[in-house]
Amino acid sequence: GVYIAKSLEECQRRFSEILGTETVFGESNDNVLVQEFMKGTEYVVDHVSVEGVHKCVAIWRYDKRPCNGAQFVYYCMELYQSED
């Protein structure tokens, strides 16, 4: 699962809840990924590189909101429209 922990104690509790449990694929959660949460708009950049040439092919804005008891769900993904 994905959780937003609002304190060190909650982070430690969620860590313990995940470590060693079974995944949806029937495997053991032997590791837990912990990341810092940054509040604000989330953007995803689709980018390709070939032989040293780099191209940005799309920019998406993700809209995630609390819903049905979950801390967030993907409400929509909007393709960014450039001015030029």
Protein backbone atom coordinates (compact mmCIF):
# COMPACT_ATOMS: atom_id res chain seq x y z
CA GLY A 1 0.00 0.00 0.00
CA VAL A 2 0.86 3.64 -0.28
CA TYR A 3 0.52 5.84 2.79
CA ILE A 4 1.25 9.45 3.64
CA ALA A 5 2.66 9.39 7.18
CA LYS A 6 2.21 12.62 9.10
CA SER A 7 4.69 11.78 11.87
CA LEU A 8 7.77 9.66 12.49
CA GLU A 9 5.68 7.34 14.68
CA GLU A 10 3.14 6.79 11.89
CA CYS A 11 5.96 6.16 9.43
CA GLN A 12 7.47 3.52 11.72
CA ARG A 13 4.04 1.91 12.24
CA ARG A 14 3.31 1.75 8.49
CA PHE A 15 6.82 0.39 7.84
CA SER A 16 6.20 -2.43 10.32
CA GLU A 17 2.76 -3.12 8.81
CA ILE A 18 4.26 -3.61 5.33
CA LEU A 19 7.57 -5.39 5.98
CA GLY A 20 7.23 -9.17 5.72
CA THR A 21 3.65 -9.16 4.43
CA GLU A 22 2.59 -10.87 1.21
CA THR A 23 2.27 -8.84 -2.00
CA VAL A 24 -0.61 -9.20 -4.48
CA PHE A 25 1.80 -11.45 -6.43
CA GLY A 26 2.24 -13.84 -3.49
CA GLU A 27 5.79 -12.69 -2.73
CA SER A 28 7.16 -11.42 0.56
CA ASN A 29 7.65 -7.68 1.07
CA ASP A 30 11.32 -7.91 2.05
CA ASN A 31 11.87 -4.19 1.44
CA VAL A 32 9.92 -0.99 2.04
CA LEU A 33 10.36 2.18 0.01
CA VAL A 34 10.10 5.38 2.04
CA GLN A 35 10.01 8.71 0.22
CA GLU A 36 9.62 12.30 1.35
CA PHE A 37 6.19 13.72 0.49
CA MET A 38 6.26 17.04 -1.32
CA LYS A 39 2.97 18.91 -1.24
CA GLY A 40 1.88 20.53 -4.49
CA THR A 41 1.01 19.77 -8.07
CA GLU A 42 2.60 16.62 -9.50
CA TYR A 43 3.87 16.66 -13.07
CA VAL A 44 5.14 13.71 -15.09
CA VAL A 45 7.50 14.34 -18.01
CA ASP A 46 7.72 11.85 -20.88
CA HIS A 47 11.21 12.17 -22.34
CA VAL A 48 13.30 10.26 -24.87
CA SER A 49 17.01 10.37 -25.67
CA VAL A 50 18.73 8.94 -28.75
CA GLU A 51 22.44 9.34 -29.47
CA GLY A 52 22.76 12.41 -27.26
CA VAL A 53 19.62 14.13 -28.57
CA HIS A 54 16.97 14.73 -25.88
CA LYS A 55 13.31 15.42 -26.57
CA CYS A 56 10.43 16.19 -24.22
CA VAL A 57 7.42 14.49 -25.81
CA ALA A 58 4.69 15.18 -23.24
CA ILE A 59 4.05 16.76 -19.85
CA TRP A 60 1.18 15.52 -17.71
CA ARG A 61 -0.42 17.07 -14.61
CA TYR A 62 -1.67 14.46 -12.12
CA ASP A 63 -4.69 15.33 -10.00
CA LYS A 64 -4.88 13.13 -6.89
CA ARG A 65 -7.51 13.58 -4.17
CA PRO A 66 -8.69 11.84 -0.99
CA CYS A 67 -11.59 9.48 -1.77
CA ASN A 68 -13.55 6.69 -0.05
CA GLY A 69 -11.19 6.55 2.92
CA ALA A 70 -8.02 6.42 0.80
CA GLN A 71 -5.48 9.20 1.30
CA PHE A 72 -5.43 9.77 -2.45
CA VAL A 73 -6.74 8.36 -5.71
CA TYR A 74 -5.94 9.42 -9.24
CA TYR A 75 -8.80 11.75 -10.17
CA CYS A 76 -7.44 12.63 -13.60
CA MET A 77 -4.31 13.04 -15.68
CA GLU A 78 -4.26 16.10 -17.92
CA LEU A 79 -1.96 16.54 -20.89
CA TYR A 80 -0.22 19.93 -20.59
CA GLN A 81 -0.98 22.25 -23.52
CA SER A 82 1.95 24.45 -24.53
CA GLU A 83 1.43 28.09 -25.42
CA ASP A 84 3.71 27.77 -28.48
